[in-house]
Amino acid sequence: MIQKLEAELDIRIFERSSQQVTPTPIGKMVVEQAWKVIQRANKLKDIVAEEKKAATGSFRIGILPTIAPYLLPRFFTELQAQNPQLSLVVIEMKTADMKRALDRGDIDAGILVNLEGLEDYNTITLFYEQFLAYVAENDKLFEAKSIKATDLSNEFLWLLDEGHCFRDQLVKFCHLKSARKSQASYSLGSIETFMRMVENGKGVTFIPELASTQLNAEQRRLVRPFALPIPTREVILATSKAFVRHSILDIVADSIRSHVPECMLKLNNTEQRIL
């Protein structure tokens, strides 16, 4: 099909070798225009489906890796069961990748955290989630009832890689950049991995509030809240400005809100929202 199009247009869209296929300069322009045509065709289908208020077809949702394991089990299976004609596809991705996917139409909506730089998207607040410290039993902070940002300056911290907004917000709130210079902090990629490290007696890590609801009694002994004001993230549902399938978006948002604790639906006066 591609070769037929190349013959019809009298151009070479792709350079082909035994090792790779890459678009030519004019080929890049053709591919980009073809992608826009596909997006417009899909938009027509979405407009018709929205006019019918039909919860059918495919709906693709991006979600942060620091939200997915704690939120999806709460609502996703029930949402699927209640909407059997709707094909829900969930993809884990970081914020930057999610923004690109929304811009290109690769996903319909994204579940992420409200940060600076999201002005070009429509957003709906889903809930507010506190940051919590997870402290090894042999750490000096284990005896503390709550954690202040200044308590972390000489701690052994397990932190996510740069680019995770969960880490970036904590660094901003707790001024951890200076802390990293004074002691060894390790960057991996999973909150669950860090929790196992702490449970085995080493250092401090941080978990989102929903994660604490999945802990057993022994694990809950390691959880410490932050002192006031409590750092809190706003979890949102974001779409592009051109998004039209609001009926499905409302179904998803309502399902999520109905499956998180009621106390998390509003920001209270002890919490400080971190952007």
Protein backbone atom coordinates (compact mmCIF):
# COMPACT_ATOMS: atom_id res chain seq x y z
CA MET A 1 0.00 0.00 0.00
CA ILE A 2 2.84 2.40 0.87
CA GLN A 3 4.65 1.67 -2.39
CA LYS A 4 1.44 2.24 -4.34
CA LEU A 5 1.04 5.63 -2.63
CA GLU A 6 4.67 6.50 -3.40
CA ALA A 7 4.07 5.68 -7.07
CA GLU A 8 0.88 7.72 -7.15
CA LEU A 9 2.53 10.76 -5.52
CA ASP A 10 5.79 10.22 -7.41
CA ILE A 11 7.85 10.58 -4.24
CA ARG A 12 9.74 8.31 -1.86
CA ILE A 13 8.05 8.37 1.57
CA PHE A 14 10.49 5.99 3.27
CA GLU A 15 14.17 5.20 2.81
CA ARG A 16 14.60 1.45 3.07
CA SER A 17 17.74 -0.47 3.94
CA SER A 18 18.43 -3.96 5.22
CA GLN A 19 18.62 -2.60 8.78
CA GLN A 20 15.90 0.06 9.05
CA VAL A 21 13.13 2.02 7.42
CA THR A 22 13.14 5.80 7.98
CA PRO A 23 10.93 8.54 6.53
CA THR A 24 12.39 10.93 4.00
CA PRO A 25 12.04 14.69 4.65
CA ILE A 26 8.95 14.90 2.43
CA GLY A 27 7.81 11.54 3.81
CA LYS A 28 7.69 13.05 7.30
CA MET A 29 5.32 15.71 6.00
CA VAL A 30 3.10 13.10 4.33
CA VAL A 31 2.97 10.94 7.46
CA GLU A 32 2.11 13.95 9.61
CA GLN A 33 -0.74 14.96 7.29
CA ALA A 34 -1.99 11.37 7.15
CA TRP A 35 -2.04 11.30 10.95
CA LYS A 36 -4.10 14.50 11.02
CA VAL A 37 -6.60 12.96 8.56
CA ILE A 38 -6.96 9.90 10.82
CA GLN A 39 -7.48 12.16 13.85
CA ARG A 40 -10.20 14.12 12.04
CA ALA A 41 -11.95 10.90 10.99
CA ASN A 42 -11.88 9.65 14.57
CA LYS A 43 -13.20 13.02 15.78
CA LEU A 44 -16.24 12.64 13.51
CA LYS A 45 -16.98 9.26 15.07
CA ASP A 46 -16.58 10.74 18.55
CA ILE A 47 -18.96 13.62 17.76
CA VAL A 48 -21.65 11.19 16.58
CA ALA A 49 -21.16 8.93 19.61
CA GLU A 50 -21.38 11.92 21.98
CA GLU A 51 -24.55 13.16 20.34
CA LYS A 52 -26.09 9.73 20.97
CA LYS A 53 -24.70 9.72 24.56
CA ALA A 54 -23.42 6.25 23.73
CA ALA A 55 -20.94 4.55 26.09
CA THR A 56 -19.54 2.47 23.25
CA GLY A 57 -16.35 2.12 21.27
CA SER A 58 -12.83 2.51 22.62
CA PHE A 59 -11.72 4.89 25.36
CA ARG A 60 -8.00 5.11 26.10
CA ILE A 61 -6.80 6.39 29.47
CA GLY A 62 -3.24 7.26 30.45
CA ILE A 63 -2.36 7.02 34.14
CA LEU A 64 0.72 7.78 36.25
CA PRO A 65 2.62 4.74 37.61
CA THR A 66 2.42 6.28 41.11
CA ILE A 67 -1.40 6.33 40.89
CA ALA A 68 -2.26 3.20 38.92
CA PRO A 69 -1.61 0.36 41.44
CA TYR A 70 -3.54 2.09 44.21
CA LEU A 71 -6.48 3.55 42.25
CA LEU A 72 -7.24 1.13 39.41
CA PRO A 73 -8.16 -1.87 41.64
CA ARG A 74 -10.75 0.30 43.37
CA PHE A 75 -12.92 1.15 40.37
CA PHE A 76 -11.77 -0.33 37.07
CA THR A 77 -13.33 -3.82 37.17
CA GLU A 78 -16.72 -2.45 38.23
CA LEU A 79 -16.57 0.28 35.58
CA GLN A 80 -15.95 -2.35 32.91
CA ALA A 81 -18.81 -4.53 34.17
CA GLN A 82 -21.24 -1.60 34.17
CA ASN A 83 -20.28 -0.56 30.62
CA PRO A 84 -19.83 -3.79 28.63
CA GLN A 85 -20.07 -2.00 25.25
CA LEU A 86 -17.17 0.30 26.15
CA SER A 87 -13.64 -0.91 25.51
CA LEU A 88 -11.47 0.70 28.19
CA VAL A 89 -7.73 0.70 27.55
CA VAL A 90 -5.35 1.86 30.31
CA ILE A 91 -1.70 2.77 29.68
CA GLU A 92 0.83 3.70 32.36
CA MET A 93 2.98 6.71 31.43
CA LYS A 94 4.80 9.66 32.96
CA THR A 95 3.39 13.19 32.77
CA ALA A 96 5.47 14.35 29.79
CA ASP A 97 4.54 11.27 27.77
CA MET A 98 0.88 11.70 28.73
CA LYS A 99 0.82 15.30 27.49
CA ARG A 100 2.30 14.23 24.16
CA ALA A 101 -0.23 11.40 23.89
CA LEU A 102 -3.12 13.79 24.57
CA ASP A 103 -1.78 16.23 21.97
CA ARG A 104 -1.51 13.50 19.32
CA GLY A 105 -4.80 11.84 20.18
CA ASP A 106 -3.10 8.60 21.24
CA ILE A 107 -5.16 8.66 24.45
CA ASP A 108 -8.54 10.21 25.20
CA ALA A 109 -7.88 11.23 28.80
CA GLY A 110 -5.14 11.11 31.41
CA ILE A 111 -5.23 10.51 35.15
CA LEU A 112 -2.36 12.54 36.53
CA VAL A 113 -1.42 15.17 39.10
CA ASN A 114 -2.17 18.86 38.73
CA LEU A 115 1.11 20.64 38.02
CA GLU A 116 2.26 23.86 36.42
CA GLY A 117 2.20 23.63 32.63
CA LEU A 118 -1.23 22.05 32.16
CA GLU A 119 -2.97 25.26 31.03
CA ASP A 120 -3.47 23.88 27.50
CA TYR A 121 -5.69 21.04 28.76
CA ASN A 122 -9.14 20.77 30.28
CA THR A 123 -8.97 19.25 33.76
CA ILE A 124 -11.41 17.81 36.29
CA THR A 125 -10.43 17.34 39.95
CA LEU A 126 -10.90 13.73 41.09
CA PHE A 127 -9.50 13.79 44.64
CA TYR A 128 -6.74 15.09 46.91
CA GLU A 129 -4.09 12.73 48.23
CA GLN A 130 -1.62 13.28 51.06
CA PHE A 131 2.04 12.28 50.92
CA LEU A 132 3.05 9.94 53.74
CA ALA A 133 6.46 8.90 55.06
CA TYR A 134 7.32 5.20 55.34
CA VAL A 135 10.03 4.77 57.98
CA ALA A 136 12.24 1.79 58.85
CA GLU A 137 11.77 0.52 62.40
CA ASN A 138 15.42 1.10 63.29
CA ASP A 139 15.45 4.67 61.94
CA LYS A 140 15.46 7.55 64.42
CA LEU A 141 12.31 8.99 62.81
CA PHE A 142 10.35 5.84 63.70
CA GLU A 143 9.71 7.30 67.16
CA ALA A 144 8.29 10.53 65.72
CA LYS A 145 4.51 10.94 65.58
CA SER A 146 4.80 13.15 62.48
CA ILE A 147 7.55 14.18 60.07
CA LYS A 148 8.73 17.72 59.36
CA ALA A 149 10.59 18.59 56.17
CA THR A 150 13.64 19.58 58.25
CA ASP A 151 13.74 16.07 59.77
CA LEU A 152 14.78 14.65 56.39
CA SER A 153 18.01 16.61 55.88
CA ASN A 154 20.35 13.82 57.04
CA GLU A 155 18.14 10.82 56.30
CA PHE A 156 18.83 7.92 53.97
CA LEU A 157 16.07 8.45 51.41
CA TRP A 158 14.73 6.10 48.76
CA LEU A 159 13.53 8.36 45.93
CA LEU A 160 11.97 7.76 42.53
CA ASP A 161 13.83 8.70 39.35
CA GLU A 162 13.71 12.27 38.12
CA GLY A 163 10.70 12.85 35.90
CA HIS A 164 8.25 11.26 38.32
CA CYS A 165 6.04 14.11 39.54
CA PHE A 166 5.61 12.25 42.86
CA ARG A 167 9.34 12.69 43.49
CA ASP A 168 9.51 16.20 42.02
CA GLN A 169 6.73 17.49 44.28
CA LEU A 170 8.40 16.04 47.37
CA VAL A 171 11.75 17.54 46.42
CA LYS A 172 10.06 20.92 46.01
CA PHE A 173 8.13 20.74 49.29
CA CYS A 174 10.87 19.22 51.45
CA HIS A 175 13.87 20.98 49.86
CA LEU A 176 15.48 17.58 49.27
CA LYS A 177 17.99 18.84 46.72
CA SER A 178 20.29 19.96 49.51
CA ALA A 179 19.62 16.76 51.40
CA ARG A 180 20.83 14.65 48.47
CA LYS A 181 24.21 16.37 48.59
CA SER A 182 24.77 15.49 52.24
CA GLN A 183 23.93 11.78 52.17
CA ALA A 184 23.46 8.82 49.83
CA SER A 185 20.04 8.80 48.19
CA TYR A 186 19.17 6.07 45.74
CA SER A 187 16.93 6.48 42.70
CA LEU A 188 15.11 3.45 41.33
CA GLY A 189 11.69 3.30 39.76
CA SER A 190 9.10 1.73 42.02
CA ILE A 191 7.40 2.79 45.24
CA GLU A 192 6.81 -0.87 46.05
CA THR A 193 10.55 -1.62 45.76
CA PHE A 194 11.37 1.20 48.18
CA MET A 195 8.77 -0.06 50.64
CA ARG A 196 10.44 -3.48 50.72
CA MET A 197 13.80 -1.77 51.39
CA VAL A 198 12.33 0.14 54.33
CA GLU A 199 10.61 -2.99 55.68
CA ASN A 200 14.01 -4.67 55.67
CA GLY A 201 15.41 -1.96 57.92
CA LYS A 202 16.90 0.77 55.75
CA GLY A 203 15.95 4.43 55.53
CA VAL A 204 12.84 6.37 54.64
CA THR A 205 10.63 6.48 51.55
CA PHE A 206 7.32 8.11 50.68
CA ILE A 207 3.95 6.69 49.65
CA PRO A 208 0.67 8.19 48.42
CA GLU A 209 -2.31 8.13 50.76
CA LEU A 210 -4.25 5.50 48.80
CA ALA A 211 -1.31 3.11 49.15
CA SER A 212 -1.75 3.15 52.93
CA THR A 213 -5.22 1.60 52.58
CA GLN A 214 -3.64 -1.54 51.11
CA LEU A 215 -1.21 -2.11 53.99
CA ASN A 216 -1.47 -4.78 56.65
CA ALA A 217 -1.19 -3.99 60.38
CA GLU A 218 2.58 -4.58 60.47
CA GLN A 219 3.16 -2.28 57.51
CA ARG A 220 0.93 0.45 58.94
CA ARG A 221 3.32 0.66 61.92
CA LEU A 222 5.89 2.18 59.53
CA VAL A 223 3.62 4.97 58.23
CA ARG A 224 4.14 8.50 59.53
CA PRO A 225 2.12 11.56 58.46
CA PHE A 226 3.76 14.88 57.70
CA ALA A 227 3.40 17.70 60.20
CA LEU A 228 1.09 20.57 59.28
CA PRO A 229 0.70 21.76 56.62
CA ILE A 230 0.44 18.29 55.10
CA PRO A 231 1.81 18.11 51.51
CA THR A 232 -1.01 17.01 49.24
CA ARG A 233 -1.33 16.32 45.53
CA GLU A 234 -4.42 17.01 43.43
CA VAL A 235 -5.26 14.05 41.20
CA ILE A 236 -7.04 15.14 38.03
CA LEU A 237 -8.56 13.84 34.81
CA ALA A 238 -7.16 15.76 31.83
CA THR A 239 -8.24 15.96 28.19
CA SER A 240 -7.25 18.02 25.19
CA LYS A 241 -9.20 21.20 24.45
CA ALA A 242 -10.68 19.47 21.38
CA PHE A 243 -12.06 16.50 23.35
CA VAL A 244 -15.78 15.86 22.78
CA ARG A 245 -16.75 12.59 24.51
CA HIS A 246 -17.83 14.23 27.77
CA SER A 247 -20.49 11.61 28.55
CA ILE A 248 -17.87 8.89 28.92
CA LEU A 249 -15.53 11.25 30.77
CA ASP A 250 -18.27 11.92 33.34
CA ILE A 251 -18.86 8.17 33.75
CA VAL A 252 -15.16 7.60 34.45
CA ALA A 253 -14.85 10.57 36.82
CA ASP A 254 -17.97 9.62 38.78
CA SER A 255 -16.79 6.03 39.10
CA ILE A 256 -13.40 7.11 40.47
CA ARG A 257 -14.87 9.59 42.96
CA SER A 258 -17.33 7.02 44.28
CA HIS A 259 -14.49 4.57 45.04
CA VAL A 260 -12.12 6.79 47.01
CA PRO A 261 -12.64 7.77 50.68
CA GLU A 262 -15.04 10.70 51.01
CA CYS A 263 -12.51 12.66 53.06
CA MET A 264 -10.23 12.80 49.99
CA LEU A 265 -12.75 14.55 47.74
CA LYS A 266 -12.02 18.00 49.18
CA LEU A 267 -8.85 19.80 50.26
CA ASN A 268 -9.08 20.49 53.98
CA ASN A 269 -7.45 23.34 55.93
CA THR A 270 -4.61 21.13 57.25
CA GLU A 271 -3.40 20.27 53.74
CA GLN A 272 -1.17 22.22 51.36
CA ARG A 273 -1.62 21.49 47.66
CA ILE A 274 1.75 21.08 45.93
CA LEU A 275 2.09 22.10 42.29
